[in-house]
Amino acid sequence: MGVAYMDMVPSIDGDRGDACACAARHVFVDEAWLARLPTMEQLEVSMLDLTTGVCLPSRLARQIKSTANLDDIVLLTPVGQH
């Protein structure tokens, strides 16, 4: 997030200073990958409540731990990341 913000990537606000304190990392997980992810913890659910466009494959990217089981995971970002 910090790199994207510093490089002025369009549609990424970075208004929380890379502190993982908002839903700016809202992503849609390709449905083929959903079963490989751990269940969301309450904090992630609460953070997603602060954004719009949340649906079944919605997750916060920062909460998805990178493991060998997730090599080549497909994540999509919403049209606007606010």
C-alpha atoms as a PDB file:
ATOM      1  CA  MET A   1       0.000   0.000   0.000  1.00  0.00           C
ATOM      2  CA  GLY A   2       2.771   2.401   0.921  1.00  0.00           C
ATOM      3  CA  VAL A   3       4.563   1.828  -2.382  1.00  0.00           C
ATOM      4  CA  ALA A   4       1.338   2.249  -4.385  1.00  0.00           C
ATOM      5  CA  TYR A   5       0.560   5.474  -2.516  1.00  0.00           C
ATOM      6  CA  MET A   6       4.064   6.902  -3.026  1.00  0.00           C
ATOM      7  CA  ASP A   7       3.920   5.990  -6.722  1.00  0.00           C
ATOM      8  CA  MET A   8       0.514   7.700  -6.983  1.00  0.00           C
ATOM      9  CA  VAL A   9      -1.312   4.631  -8.293  1.00  0.00           C
ATOM     10  CA  PRO A  10      -4.772   5.855  -9.395  1.00  0.00           C
ATOM     11  CA  SER A  11      -7.776   5.008  -7.182  1.00  0.00           C
ATOM     12  CA  ILE A  12      -5.670   4.269  -4.097  1.00  0.00           C
ATOM     13  CA  ASP A  13      -6.114   6.948  -1.463  1.00  0.00           C
ATOM     14  CA  GLY A  14      -3.678   5.705   1.160  1.00  0.00           C
ATOM     15  CA  ASP A  15      -5.330   8.105   3.580  1.00  0.00           C
ATOM     16  CA  ARG A  16      -4.544   6.005   6.662  1.00  0.00           C
ATOM     17  CA  GLY A  17      -0.794   6.087   6.175  1.00  0.00           C
ATOM     18  CA  ASP A  18      -0.418   2.342   5.565  1.00  0.00           C
ATOM     19  CA  ALA A  19      -1.660   1.596   9.096  1.00  0.00           C
ATOM     20  CA  CYS A  20      -4.206  -1.112   8.127  1.00  0.00           C
ATOM     21  CA  ALA A  21      -6.863   0.950   9.856  1.00  0.00           C
ATOM     22  CA  CYS A  22      -9.475   1.131   7.125  1.00  0.00           C
ATOM     23  CA  ALA A  23     -11.065  -0.887   4.350  1.00  0.00           C
ATOM     24  CA  ALA A  24      -8.826   0.600   1.628  1.00  0.00           C
ATOM     25  CA  ARG A  25      -7.439  -2.867   1.000  1.00  0.00           C
ATOM     26  CA  HIS A  26     -10.814  -4.285   0.006  1.00  0.00           C
ATOM     27  CA  VAL A  27     -10.360  -6.965  -2.640  1.00  0.00           C
ATOM     28  CA  PHE A  28     -12.502  -9.584  -4.281  1.00  0.00           C
ATOM     29  CA  VAL A  29     -11.087 -13.097  -4.052  1.00  0.00           C
ATOM     30  CA  ASP A  30     -11.627 -15.278  -7.082  1.00  0.00           C
ATOM     31  CA  GLU A  31     -14.211 -17.845  -5.954  1.00  0.00           C
ATOM     32  CA  ALA A  32     -11.888 -20.766  -6.748  1.00  0.00           C
ATOM     33  CA  TRP A  33      -9.593 -19.494  -3.956  1.00  0.00           C
ATOM     34  CA  LEU A  34     -12.146 -18.749  -1.237  1.00  0.00           C
ATOM     35  CA  ALA A  35     -12.050 -22.239   0.283  1.00  0.00           C
ATOM     36  CA  ARG A  36      -8.287 -21.967   0.776  1.00  0.00           C
ATOM     37  CA  LEU A  37      -8.573 -18.875   2.970  1.00  0.00           C
ATOM     38  CA  PRO A  38      -9.113 -18.977   6.719  1.00  0.00           C
ATOM     39  CA  THR A  39     -12.430 -17.742   8.054  1.00  0.00           C
ATOM     40  CA  MET A  40     -12.592 -13.999   8.596  1.00  0.00           C
ATOM     41  CA  GLU A  41     -12.010 -12.773  12.113  1.00  0.00           C
ATOM     42  CA  GLN A  42     -14.448 -10.255  13.616  1.00  0.00           C
ATOM     43  CA  LEU A  43     -12.054  -7.321  13.100  1.00  0.00           C
ATOM     44  CA  GLU A  44     -11.962  -7.966   9.350  1.00  0.00           C
ATOM     45  CA  VAL A  45     -15.755  -8.252   9.220  1.00  0.00           C
ATOM     46  CA  SER A  46     -16.066  -4.949  11.105  1.00  0.00           C
ATOM     47  CA  MET A  47     -13.621  -3.205   8.768  1.00  0.00           C
ATOM     48  CA  LEU A  48     -15.497  -4.435   5.706  1.00  0.00           C
ATOM     49  CA  ASP A  49     -18.677  -2.981   7.211  1.00  0.00           C
ATOM     50  CA  LEU A  50     -17.076   0.443   6.668  1.00  0.00           C
ATOM     51  CA  THR A  51     -16.906   0.111   2.895  1.00  0.00           C
ATOM     52  CA  THR A  52     -19.346  -0.283   0.020  1.00  0.00           C
ATOM     53  CA  GLY A  53     -19.715  -3.056  -2.526  1.00  0.00           C
ATOM     54  CA  VAL A  54     -19.008  -5.873  -0.082  1.00  0.00           C
ATOM     55  CA  CYS A  55     -20.128  -9.296  -1.288  1.00  0.00           C
ATOM     56  CA  LEU A  56     -19.309 -12.978  -0.780  1.00  0.00           C
ATOM     57  CA  PRO A  57     -15.756 -12.893  -2.184  1.00  0.00           C
ATOM     58  CA  SER A  58     -14.849  -9.653  -0.331  1.00  0.00           C
ATOM     59  CA  ARG A  59     -11.803  -9.727   1.936  1.00  0.00           C
ATOM     60  CA  LEU A  60      -9.181  -7.302   3.176  1.00  0.00           C
ATOM     61  CA  ALA A  61      -5.948  -8.044   1.334  1.00  0.00           C
ATOM     62  CA  ARG A  62      -3.818  -7.233   4.358  1.00  0.00           C
ATOM     63  CA  GLN A  63      -5.545 -10.026   6.305  1.00  0.00           C
ATOM     64  CA  ILE A  64      -4.674 -12.713   3.748  1.00  0.00           C
ATOM     65  CA  LYS A  65      -1.454 -14.352   4.897  1.00  0.00           C
ATOM     66  CA  SER A  66       0.883 -15.293   2.067  1.00  0.00           C
ATOM     67  CA  THR A  67       1.538 -19.036   2.045  1.00  0.00           C
ATOM     68  CA  ALA A  68       2.602 -21.627  -0.515  1.00  0.00           C
ATOM     69  CA  ASN A  69      -1.039 -22.768  -0.531  1.00  0.00           C
ATOM     70  CA  LEU A  70      -1.958 -19.394  -2.040  1.00  0.00           C
ATOM     71  CA  ASP A  71       0.623 -19.206  -4.841  1.00  0.00           C
ATOM     72  CA  ASP A  72      -1.011 -17.569  -7.874  1.00  0.00           C
ATOM     73  CA  ILE A  73      -4.103 -16.412  -5.938  1.00  0.00           C
ATOM     74  CA  VAL A  74      -6.340 -14.145  -8.000  1.00  0.00           C
ATOM     75  CA  LEU A  75      -7.484 -10.903  -6.333  1.00  0.00           C
ATOM     76  CA  LEU A  76      -9.471  -8.120  -7.970  1.00  0.00           C
ATOM     77  CA  THR A  77      -9.868  -4.589  -6.670  1.00  0.00           C
ATOM     78  CA  PRO A  78     -13.121  -2.620  -6.656  1.00  0.00           C
ATOM     79  CA  VAL A  79     -13.497   0.200  -9.180  1.00  0.00           C
ATOM     80  CA  GLY A  80     -12.876   2.754  -6.404  1.00  0.00           C
ATOM     81  CA  GLN A  81     -10.760   2.181  -3.333  1.00  0.00           C
ATOM     82  CA  HIS A  82     -12.177   4.666  -0.839  1.00  0.00           C
END
